[in-house]
Amino acid sequence: MAVHLQFLGAARNVTGSRHLLAIDGTKVLIDCGLYQERDFRSRNWEPFAVEAKDIDAVLLTHAHLDHCGFLPRLVREGFKGRILCTPPTHEIAKIVLLDAAHIQEEDAHFKKRRHEREGRKARHPEVALYNKKDAKRTFSLFESVKYGEPVLIDRSVTTTFHDAGHILGSAMIKVRFSSQRKSHTIIFSGDVGRWKKPILKDPSQFDQADYVMVESTYGDRFHEDSSGIKMKLCEAINSTVERGGNVVIPSFALERTQELLYYLSELLREDRIPHLLTFVDSPMAISVTEVFQRSQDCFDEEMLSLVRSGRLPFYFSTLRLTRSSAESKAINHIRASCIIIAGSGMCTGGRIKHHLISNISRPESTVLFVGYQAQGTLGREIVEGRKAVRIYGQMYPVKANVVQLNGFSAHADQNELLRWLSGFRSPPREVFVVHGEGKVPSVFAKVVEKEYGWKATVPEYLTKVALGTRA
């Protein structure tokens, strides 16, 4: 039996997660994400490394766009296999993909008009990568899998999903394949969550695997103590209100928005911030919050006790959910201070760009980042201190107060990644370090080798490795 693993994304970068596991004639793709960094977006348009029709199944670790956002394109190119994921991921991925298709179509339209107006040719195609019809065609291929429930891919390949504690429905994926009465295991960490975070359960751990693929987004650093999140959020809001500005929060619709609402509702109950109008200006975030309400089996005990007591952590009296574009535009006519939560979290698209246009040059306003900003994104440019940034083809001076709260991260830091790996009681043959930016994967690989003495490899884009199991 010949077994190969090919790294088609998230290899020395943090988006476009795609890993192809080929076991004899069976081809399984673990994640199918979009590239979001400017330097790598052209890869979304490149021919896929294998024929889409030859892929038997896609296993999704979770519903973030950089892990599932390429699916409609894969379907457009001929994929007709199974898409396996947990029930919450199943629900949320549909919301995310429709939203992504809408943004793809809208951005292509704006880009074409702008280039016509400027009389220049586009670097990348002026058509959408995929459309809403392509997104909807993926829906019939989804199959929900419960945590811990073995699923047969073919006679010799089985997979199980385990709670990753990263976002609602996120999973670590174990793939077991057999050869001549011997079984072999590879575990894909997906994005590793954090311990003792609100809302969700802690990450799962494993005691044995032949191969391990682990993310390294924060593999070279350590998070701030999350106990200070509420205080810093409180300070940012109160100081902005004193200046008479708005608090503009680029936020991922999935998990980060719900965690923000959780903390805001606590601060309001404790009367530590003014009862400002708070807008969740994201149809997707609103829909995802509804999925949270239906997925209480994923909650930790603290969250469940809140629900049992009748408290609704995702809702409060000054909260306004804006679905329509007309409601979104009306926000910028409000004179009093308000809190605006909108996507996308890295400012690469969506309604947040319009709110940035209205606020980024106002010294009284605050742009508050609560998530990782990948290299090459508008969000990264802002947090790095650019004096002016380009939004929809126009340059805007950055005069707003820029604040970054790292304690919100849903990704494990170096210590937490090592804590996850510490569950393995016997050394894996090899650890593949992915989903990290620049030198970060190499830094973390060296830490793993020093801490545990295991072989840790940082694969390059398109690298194919034999996993050393032949019948």
Protein backbone atom coordinates (compact mmCIF):
# COMPACT_ATOMS: atom_id res chain seq x y z
CA MET A 1 0.00 0.00 0.00
CA ALA A 2 1.42 3.41 -1.03
CA VAL A 3 0.48 6.34 1.18
CA HIS A 4 1.34 9.93 0.30
CA LEU A 5 0.58 13.26 1.92
CA GLN A 6 0.73 16.43 -0.18
CA PHE A 7 0.63 19.96 1.21
CA LEU A 8 -1.54 22.09 -1.07
CA GLY A 9 -1.98 25.02 1.30
CA ALA A 10 -1.16 26.49 4.72
CA ALA A 11 2.46 25.48 4.11
CA ARG A 12 4.58 28.32 5.52
CA ASN A 13 1.52 30.55 5.45
CA VAL A 14 -1.69 30.69 7.49
CA THR A 15 -4.55 30.42 4.99
CA GLY A 16 -5.61 28.14 2.15
CA SER A 17 -5.56 25.02 4.33
CA ARG A 18 -5.61 21.99 1.98
CA HIS A 19 -3.88 18.66 2.61
CA LEU A 20 -4.23 15.69 0.27
CA LEU A 21 -3.92 12.19 1.69
CA ALA A 22 -3.62 9.52 -1.00
CA ILE A 23 -3.96 5.90 0.14
CA ASP A 24 -3.55 3.68 -2.91
CA GLY A 25 -6.49 4.71 -5.13
CA THR A 26 -8.35 6.62 -2.42
CA LYS A 27 -7.84 10.39 -2.27
CA VAL A 28 -8.97 12.32 0.81
CA LEU A 29 -8.64 16.09 1.10
CA ILE A 30 -8.39 17.43 4.64
CA ASP A 31 -9.80 20.97 4.51
CA CYS A 32 -10.44 22.96 1.38
CA GLY A 33 -9.73 26.58 2.26
CA LEU A 34 -9.34 29.90 0.51
CA TYR A 35 -6.07 31.76 0.39
CA GLN A 36 -6.67 35.19 1.92
CA GLU A 37 -3.24 36.85 2.04
CA ARG A 38 -2.63 39.22 -0.88
CA ASP A 39 0.66 37.50 -1.76
CA PHE A 40 -1.04 34.13 -2.12
CA ARG A 41 -4.55 34.88 -3.43
CA SER A 42 -3.50 34.07 -7.00
CA ARG A 43 -3.23 30.43 -5.90
CA ASN A 44 -7.02 30.36 -5.65
CA TRP A 45 -7.06 30.70 -9.43
CA GLU A 46 -4.37 28.16 -10.22
CA PRO A 47 -5.35 24.67 -11.46
CA PHE A 48 -5.84 22.29 -8.55
CA ALA A 49 -2.98 19.83 -7.96
CA VAL A 50 -5.19 16.81 -8.76
CA GLU A 51 -8.36 16.36 -10.77
CA ALA A 52 -11.25 17.44 -8.56
CA LYS A 53 -13.36 14.52 -9.80
CA ASP A 54 -10.76 12.05 -8.50
CA ILE A 55 -11.08 13.19 -4.87
CA ASP A 56 -13.27 10.75 -2.90
CA ALA A 57 -13.95 12.84 0.19
CA VAL A 58 -13.23 16.16 1.88
CA LEU A 59 -12.88 16.16 5.67
CA LEU A 60 -13.50 19.60 7.17
CA THR A 61 -11.91 20.52 10.48
CA HIS A 62 -14.13 23.61 10.82
CA ALA A 63 -16.06 26.30 8.98
CA HIS A 64 -13.59 29.18 8.83
CA LEU A 65 -13.15 30.44 5.28
CA ASP A 66 -9.46 29.53 5.14
CA HIS A 67 -10.46 25.92 5.81
CA CYS A 68 -13.70 25.50 3.80
CA GLY A 69 -13.94 28.50 1.45
CA PHE A 70 -12.56 26.80 -1.68
CA LEU A 71 -15.23 24.07 -1.72
CA PRO A 72 -17.55 25.74 -4.29
CA ARG A 73 -14.63 26.15 -6.67
CA LEU A 74 -13.69 22.48 -6.20
CA VAL A 75 -17.29 21.51 -6.98
CA ARG A 76 -17.28 23.78 -10.03
CA GLU A 77 -14.17 21.92 -11.21
CA GLY A 78 -15.89 18.52 -10.93
CA PHE A 79 -15.74 17.30 -7.32
CA LYS A 80 -18.73 15.05 -6.51
CA GLY A 81 -17.52 13.20 -3.43
CA ARG A 82 -18.52 13.38 0.24
CA ILE A 83 -17.93 16.39 2.49
CA LEU A 84 -17.71 15.12 6.08
CA CYS A 85 -17.88 17.43 9.10
CA THR A 86 -19.62 17.88 12.46
CA PRO A 87 -23.28 19.03 12.59
CA PRO A 88 -22.46 22.64 13.62
CA THR A 89 -19.79 22.86 10.91
CA HIS A 90 -22.35 21.52 8.44
CA GLU A 91 -24.77 24.32 9.33
CA ILE A 92 -22.20 27.09 9.59
CA ALA A 93 -20.27 26.17 6.43
CA LYS A 94 -23.42 26.70 4.37
CA ILE A 95 -23.81 30.19 5.82
CA VAL A 96 -20.11 30.98 5.31
CA LEU A 97 -20.01 29.72 1.72
CA LEU A 98 -23.09 31.66 0.62
CA ASP A 99 -21.67 34.79 2.18
CA ALA A 100 -18.29 34.19 0.53
CA ALA A 101 -19.96 33.68 -2.85
CA HIS A 102 -21.84 36.96 -2.42
CA ILE A 103 -18.61 38.77 -1.57
CA GLN A 104 -16.80 37.13 -4.51
CA GLU A 105 -19.49 38.36 -6.91
CA GLU A 106 -19.68 41.82 -5.35
CA ASP A 107 -15.91 42.34 -5.24
CA ALA A 108 -15.52 41.21 -8.85
CA HIS A 109 -18.22 43.71 -9.87
CA PHE A 110 -16.62 46.60 -7.96
CA LYS A 111 -13.16 45.67 -9.22
CA LYS A 112 -14.27 45.61 -12.84
CA ARG A 113 -15.99 48.99 -12.53
CA ARG A 114 -12.97 50.52 -10.80
CA HIS A 115 -10.52 49.24 -13.40
CA GLU A 116 -12.74 50.50 -16.22
CA ARG A 117 -12.87 53.89 -14.52
CA GLU A 118 -9.08 53.93 -14.01
CA GLY A 119 -8.38 52.56 -17.49
CA ARG A 120 -6.13 49.73 -16.29
CA LYS A 121 -6.07 45.97 -16.53
CA ALA A 122 -6.62 43.70 -13.52
CA ARG A 123 -3.75 41.66 -12.11
CA HIS A 124 -6.22 38.85 -11.32
CA PRO A 125 -9.45 37.93 -13.16
CA GLU A 126 -12.35 40.37 -12.88
CA VAL A 127 -14.83 37.50 -12.47
CA ALA A 128 -15.87 35.78 -9.28
CA LEU A 129 -13.93 32.70 -8.20
CA TYR A 130 -17.35 31.15 -7.71
CA ASN A 131 -20.94 32.28 -7.34
CA LYS A 132 -23.94 31.51 -5.12
CA LYS A 133 -25.08 28.76 -7.49
CA ASP A 134 -21.73 27.00 -7.06
CA ALA A 135 -22.00 27.38 -3.27
CA LYS A 136 -25.47 25.82 -3.22
CA ARG A 137 -24.26 22.89 -5.33
CA THR A 138 -21.94 21.89 -2.47
CA PHE A 139 -24.79 21.54 0.04
CA SER A 140 -26.05 18.14 -1.16
CA LEU A 141 -22.54 16.70 -0.67
CA PHE A 142 -22.36 17.47 3.06
CA GLU A 143 -22.67 14.66 5.61
CA SER A 144 -22.82 15.35 9.36
CA VAL A 145 -20.60 13.28 11.64
CA LYS A 146 -20.83 13.30 15.44
CA TYR A 147 -17.73 13.59 17.58
CA GLY A 148 -16.19 10.17 18.21
CA GLU A 149 -18.31 8.38 15.59
CA PRO A 150 -16.14 6.27 13.20
CA VAL A 151 -16.90 6.77 9.50
CA LEU A 152 -15.75 4.40 6.77
CA ILE A 153 -14.18 6.15 3.75
CA ASP A 154 -13.43 2.85 2.03
CA ARG A 155 -12.65 -0.69 3.18
CA SER A 156 -9.25 0.24 4.62
CA VAL A 157 -9.73 3.90 5.63
CA THR A 158 -11.69 5.12 8.66
CA THR A 159 -11.98 8.61 10.13
CA THR A 160 -13.21 10.05 13.41
CA PHE A 161 -13.77 13.66 14.49
CA HIS A 162 -12.79 14.98 17.93
CA ASP A 163 -13.57 18.33 19.56
CA ALA A 164 -10.80 20.88 18.84
CA GLY A 165 -12.14 23.57 21.19
CA HIS A 166 -11.32 26.23 18.56
CA ILE A 167 -14.72 27.35 17.30
CA LEU A 168 -18.20 25.85 17.40
CA GLY A 169 -18.10 22.44 15.72
CA SER A 170 -14.34 22.50 15.17
CA ALA A 171 -12.62 19.13 14.98
CA MET A 172 -9.33 17.35 15.06
CA ILE A 173 -9.45 14.53 12.56
CA LYS A 174 -8.01 11.06 13.05
CA VAL A 175 -7.55 8.95 9.91
CA ARG A 176 -6.81 5.27 10.39
CA PHE A 177 -5.75 3.08 7.48
CA SER A 178 -4.77 -0.59 7.50
CA SER A 179 -2.24 -2.63 5.59
CA GLN A 180 -1.50 -6.35 6.01
CA ARG A 181 -3.26 -6.52 9.39
CA LYS A 182 -1.39 -3.45 10.63
CA SER A 183 -3.18 -0.19 11.26
CA HIS A 184 -1.61 3.25 10.99
CA THR A 185 -2.91 6.58 12.23
CA ILE A 186 -2.44 10.18 11.23
CA ILE A 187 -3.99 13.03 13.19
CA PHE A 188 -4.76 16.43 11.71
CA SER A 189 -4.98 19.02 14.46
CA GLY A 190 -6.93 21.56 12.43
CA ASP A 191 -6.79 24.74 14.48
CA VAL A 192 -6.08 23.88 18.12
CA GLY A 193 -8.28 25.71 20.61
CA ARG A 194 -7.47 26.91 24.09
CA TRP A 195 -8.11 25.68 27.60
CA LYS A 196 -10.52 27.45 29.97
CA LYS A 197 -12.00 29.71 27.31
CA PRO A 198 -15.65 30.76 27.66
CA ILE A 199 -18.47 29.00 25.76
CA LEU A 200 -16.74 25.88 24.38
CA LYS A 201 -15.16 22.72 25.80
CA ASP A 202 -11.39 22.28 26.02
CA PRO A 203 -9.42 20.68 23.13
CA SER A 204 -9.27 16.90 22.80
CA GLN A 205 -5.97 15.11 23.25
CA PHE A 206 -4.63 11.82 21.88
CA ASP A 207 -2.20 9.26 23.26
CA GLN A 208 -0.97 7.67 20.04
CA ALA A 209 -0.46 8.40 16.34
CA ASP A 210 2.07 7.44 13.71
CA TYR A 211 1.97 10.89 12.15
CA VAL A 212 0.74 14.23 13.43
CA MET A 213 0.01 17.42 11.53
CA VAL A 214 -0.13 20.41 13.86
CA GLU A 215 -0.91 24.07 13.24
CA SER A 216 1.55 26.74 14.41
CA THR A 217 -0.24 30.09 14.02
CA TYR A 218 1.04 31.26 17.41
CA GLY A 219 3.87 28.74 17.66
CA ASP A 220 6.48 31.40 18.38
CA ARG A 221 4.64 33.44 21.02
CA PHE A 222 2.52 33.44 24.14
CA HIS A 223 -0.93 34.94 24.63
CA GLU A 224 -1.73 37.59 27.15
CA ASP A 225 -3.60 36.35 30.19
CA SER A 226 -7.22 36.14 29.01
CA SER A 227 -8.37 37.25 32.46
CA GLY A 228 -7.49 40.81 31.40
CA ILE A 229 -9.69 40.80 28.28
CA LYS A 230 -12.73 42.32 29.98
CA MET A 231 -10.71 45.12 31.57
CA LYS A 232 -8.99 46.10 28.30
CA LEU A 233 -12.24 45.90 26.36
CA CYS A 234 -13.85 48.06 29.03
CA GLU A 235 -11.02 50.62 28.85
CA ALA A 236 -11.12 50.81 25.04
CA ILE A 237 -14.87 51.41 25.01
CA ASN A 238 -14.91 53.98 27.82
CA SER A 239 -12.00 56.03 26.46
CA THR A 240 -13.61 56.13 23.00
CA VAL A 241 -16.92 57.31 24.44
CA GLU A 242 -15.09 60.09 26.30
CA ARG A 243 -13.67 61.28 22.96
CA GLY A 244 -17.09 61.06 21.30
CA GLY A 245 -16.11 58.42 18.77
CA ASN A 246 -17.24 54.97 17.65
CA VAL A 247 -15.71 51.61 18.50
CA VAL A 248 -15.30 49.74 15.21
CA ILE A 249 -14.48 46.05 15.64
CA PRO A 250 -13.49 43.93 12.64
CA SER A 251 -14.61 40.51 13.77
CA PHE A 252 -14.94 37.03 12.41
CA ALA A 253 -18.62 36.11 12.19
CA LEU A 254 -17.88 32.71 13.64
CA GLU A 255 -16.88 32.46 17.32
CA ARG A 256 -15.20 35.85 17.74
CA THR A 257 -18.46 37.79 17.41
CA GLN A 258 -20.22 35.47 19.85
CA GLU A 259 -17.34 35.72 22.33
CA LEU A 260 -17.46 39.52 22.06
CA LEU A 261 -21.17 39.51 22.80
CA TYR A 262 -20.52 37.24 25.78
CA TYR A 263 -18.04 39.73 27.28
CA LEU A 264 -20.11 42.81 26.39
CA SER A 265 -23.18 41.32 28.07
CA GLU A 266 -21.10 40.69 31.22
CA LEU A 267 -19.73 44.27 31.21
CA LEU A 268 -23.25 45.65 30.80
CA ARG A 269 -24.62 43.51 33.63
CA GLU A 270 -21.78 44.78 35.82
CA ASP A 271 -22.50 48.37 34.67
CA ARG A 272 -18.85 48.92 33.70
CA ILE A 273 -19.53 50.38 30.24
CA PRO A 274 -22.22 52.77 28.93
CA HIS A 275 -25.31 51.11 27.49
CA LEU A 276 -24.40 52.03 23.91
CA LEU A 277 -26.19 50.93 20.78
CA THR A 278 -24.21 47.90 19.67
CA PHE A 279 -24.55 46.74 16.08
CA VAL A 280 -23.75 43.30 14.79
CA ASP A 281 -23.59 44.40 11.17
CA SER A 282 -23.21 41.01 9.59
CA PRO A 283 -26.02 38.79 8.31
CA MET A 284 -23.62 35.87 8.57
CA ALA A 285 -22.74 36.57 12.21
CA ILE A 286 -26.44 36.83 13.05
CA SER A 287 -27.15 33.47 11.42
CA VAL A 288 -24.14 31.86 13.11
CA THR A 289 -25.33 33.11 16.50
CA GLU A 290 -28.61 31.31 15.86
CA VAL A 291 -26.63 28.09 15.25
CA PHE A 292 -24.92 28.63 18.63
CA GLN A 293 -28.32 28.74 20.28
CA ARG A 294 -29.12 25.33 18.75
CA SER A 295 -25.77 23.70 19.62
CA GLN A 296 -25.73 23.64 23.39
CA ASP A 297 -24.19 20.15 23.45
CA CYS A 298 -20.91 21.86 22.46
CA PHE A 299 -20.96 24.28 25.43
CA ASP A 300 -18.77 23.95 28.49
CA GLU A 301 -20.28 23.71 31.98
CA GLU A 302 -19.96 27.43 32.72
CA MET A 303 -21.86 28.35 29.59
CA LEU A 304 -24.51 25.71 30.20
CA SER A 305 -25.09 27.04 33.71
CA LEU A 306 -25.72 30.52 32.25
CA VAL A 307 -28.24 29.09 29.81
CA ARG A 308 -29.97 27.09 32.57
CA SER A 309 -30.26 30.25 34.69
CA GLY A 310 -32.20 31.96 31.91
CA ARG A 311 -29.44 34.35 30.85
CA LEU A 312 -28.89 34.87 27.13
CA PRO A 313 -25.18 35.72 26.74
CA PHE A 314 -25.51 36.57 23.06
CA TYR A 315 -28.31 39.11 23.45
CA PHE A 316 -28.86 42.33 25.44
CA SER A 317 -31.26 45.29 25.29
CA THR A 318 -29.04 47.70 23.31
CA LEU A 319 -28.02 45.10 20.72
CA ARG A 320 -29.15 45.68 17.14
CA LEU A 321 -28.82 43.00 14.48
CA THR A 322 -28.57 44.52 10.99
CA ARG A 323 -29.17 42.20 8.09
CA SER A 324 -29.97 44.58 5.21
CA SER A 325 -27.49 46.89 3.45
CA ALA A 326 -29.86 49.83 4.07
CA GLU A 327 -29.66 49.20 7.85
CA SER A 328 -25.89 48.94 7.56
CA LYS A 329 -25.57 52.27 5.76
CA ALA A 330 -27.82 53.98 8.31
CA ILE A 331 -25.34 53.19 11.11
CA ASN A 332 -22.91 55.79 9.80
CA HIS A 333 -25.53 58.54 10.20
CA ILE A 334 -25.76 58.00 13.97
CA ARG A 335 -24.21 60.95 15.81
CA ALA A 336 -23.83 59.43 19.28
CA SER A 337 -21.08 56.91 20.07
CA CYS A 338 -21.83 53.30 19.24
CA ILE A 339 -20.12 49.93 18.93
CA ILE A 340 -19.98 48.41 15.43
CA ILE A 341 -19.04 44.75 15.02
CA ALA A 342 -18.69 43.75 11.37
CA GLY A 343 -16.83 41.33 9.13
CA SER A 344 -14.50 40.38 7.79
CA GLY A 345 -12.15 39.87 10.71
CA MET A 346 -9.01 40.70 8.67
CA CYS A 347 -10.75 43.54 6.78
CA THR A 348 -10.35 41.69 3.48
CA GLY A 349 -13.97 42.25 2.46
CA GLY A 350 -17.50 42.71 3.74
CA ARG A 351 -19.18 45.62 5.52
CA ILE A 352 -16.26 46.44 7.80
CA LYS A 353 -14.57 48.28 4.93
CA HIS A 354 -17.42 50.79 4.72
CA HIS A 355 -17.27 51.41 8.48
CA LEU A 356 -13.51 51.87 8.26
CA ILE A 357 -14.00 54.47 5.54
CA SER A 358 -16.30 56.39 7.90
CA ASN A 359 -14.11 56.07 11.01
CA ILE A 360 -10.45 55.37 10.27
CA SER A 361 -9.60 59.04 9.76
CA ARG A 362 -11.46 60.19 12.91
CA PRO A 363 -9.07 60.65 15.89
CA GLU A 364 -12.00 60.22 18.28
CA SER A 365 -12.86 56.71 17.00
CA THR A 366 -11.19 53.39 17.83
CA VAL A 367 -10.53 50.47 15.52
CA LEU A 368 -10.37 47.49 17.86
CA PHE A 369 -8.85 44.26 16.57
CA VAL A 370 -9.72 41.06 18.39
CA GLY A 371 -8.23 38.48 16.04
CA TYR A 372 -5.12 37.44 14.15
CA GLN A 373 -4.25 39.65 11.16
CA ALA A 374 -2.47 37.66 8.45
CA GLN A 375 0.39 39.18 6.49
CA GLY A 376 -0.83 40.97 3.36
CA THR A 377 -4.29 41.82 4.73
CA LEU A 378 -5.72 45.30 5.28
CA GLY A 379 -6.07 44.51 8.97
CA ARG A 380 -2.35 43.71 9.22
CA GLU A 381 -1.47 47.03 7.55
CA ILE A 382 -3.56 48.92 10.10
CA VAL A 383 -2.18 47.17 13.20
CA GLU A 384 1.38 47.57 11.90
CA GLY A 385 0.90 51.33 11.96
CA ARG A 386 0.53 52.36 8.32
CA LYS A 387 -0.05 56.10 8.05
CA ALA A 388 -2.56 55.57 5.24
CA VAL A 389 -4.34 52.53 3.83
CA ARG A 390 -6.09 51.73 0.57
CA ILE A 391 -9.78 50.84 0.81
CA TYR A 392 -11.79 50.27 -2.37
CA GLY A 393 -9.13 51.96 -4.44
CA GLN A 394 -8.88 55.15 -2.33
CA MET A 395 -6.23 56.10 0.22
CA TYR A 396 -7.39 57.06 3.75
CA PRO A 397 -5.13 58.50 6.48
CA VAL A 398 -5.15 56.39 9.65
CA LYS A 399 -5.94 58.79 12.50
CA ALA A 400 -8.23 56.59 14.60
CA ASN A 401 -6.91 54.97 17.76
CA VAL A 402 -5.83 51.41 16.87
CA VAL A 403 -6.06 48.77 19.61
CA GLN A 404 -5.29 45.06 19.38
CA LEU A 405 -6.53 42.62 22.03
CA ASN A 406 -4.65 39.35 21.56
CA GLY A 407 -6.29 37.62 24.50
CA PHE A 408 -9.34 36.86 22.36
CA SER A 409 -7.46 34.45 20.15
CA ALA A 410 -9.10 31.07 19.59
CA HIS A 411 -5.72 29.60 18.58
CA ALA A 412 -3.45 27.88 21.05
CA ASP A 413 -0.16 29.66 21.72
CA GLN A 414 3.22 27.90 21.97
CA ASN A 415 2.64 26.58 25.50
CA GLU A 416 -0.86 25.36 24.65
CA LEU A 417 0.33 23.66 21.46
CA LEU A 418 2.97 21.86 23.50
CA ARG A 419 0.30 20.97 26.05
CA TRP A 420 -1.76 19.41 23.24
CA LEU A 421 1.23 17.43 21.94
CA SER A 422 2.04 16.26 25.47
CA GLY A 423 -0.95 13.92 25.31
CA PHE A 424 0.97 11.55 23.01
CA ARG A 425 2.50 8.84 25.19
CA SER A 426 4.70 7.41 22.43
CA PRO A 427 6.66 9.45 19.87
CA PRO A 428 5.01 9.88 16.46
CA ARG A 429 7.23 8.92 13.54
CA GLU A 430 7.00 12.50 12.31
CA VAL A 431 5.27 15.77 13.15
CA PHE A 432 4.40 18.09 10.25
CA VAL A 433 4.18 21.75 11.26
CA VAL A 434 1.80 23.80 9.11
CA HIS A 435 -0.47 26.84 9.22
CA GLY A 436 2.17 29.34 10.31
CA GLU A 437 3.55 32.53 8.85
CA GLY A 438 7.14 33.10 7.72
CA LYS A 439 9.63 31.63 10.19
CA VAL A 440 7.01 30.68 12.78
CA PRO A 441 6.61 26.99 11.72
CA SER A 442 10.40 26.52 11.81
CA VAL A 443 10.60 28.10 15.26
CA PHE A 444 7.89 25.82 16.59
CA ALA A 445 9.37 22.72 14.90
CA LYS A 446 12.66 23.37 16.74
CA VAL A 447 10.76 23.78 20.01
CA VAL A 448 9.03 20.41 19.46
CA GLU A 449 12.35 18.71 18.69
CA LYS A 450 14.00 20.24 21.76
CA GLU A 451 11.05 19.57 24.11
CA TYR A 452 10.21 16.02 23.04
CA GLY A 453 13.02 14.80 20.79
CA TRP A 454 10.56 14.07 17.99
CA LYS A 455 11.21 14.56 14.29
CA ALA A 456 9.41 17.76 13.27
CA THR A 457 9.24 18.85 9.62
CA VAL A 458 8.09 22.11 8.03
CA PRO A 459 6.75 21.19 4.57
CA GLU A 460 6.96 23.49 1.57
CA TYR A 461 4.01 24.30 -0.70
CA LEU A 462 3.15 21.36 -3.01
CA THR A 463 5.62 19.02 -1.25
CA LYS A 464 4.57 15.35 -1.41
CA VAL A 465 5.87 12.95 1.23
CA ALA A 466 5.62 9.17 1.47
CA LEU A 467 4.41 8.15 4.91
CA GLY A 468 6.56 5.05 4.87
CA THR A 469 3.82 2.41 4.84
CA ARG A 470 3.87 0.01 1.91
CA ALA A 471 2.04 -3.30 1.67
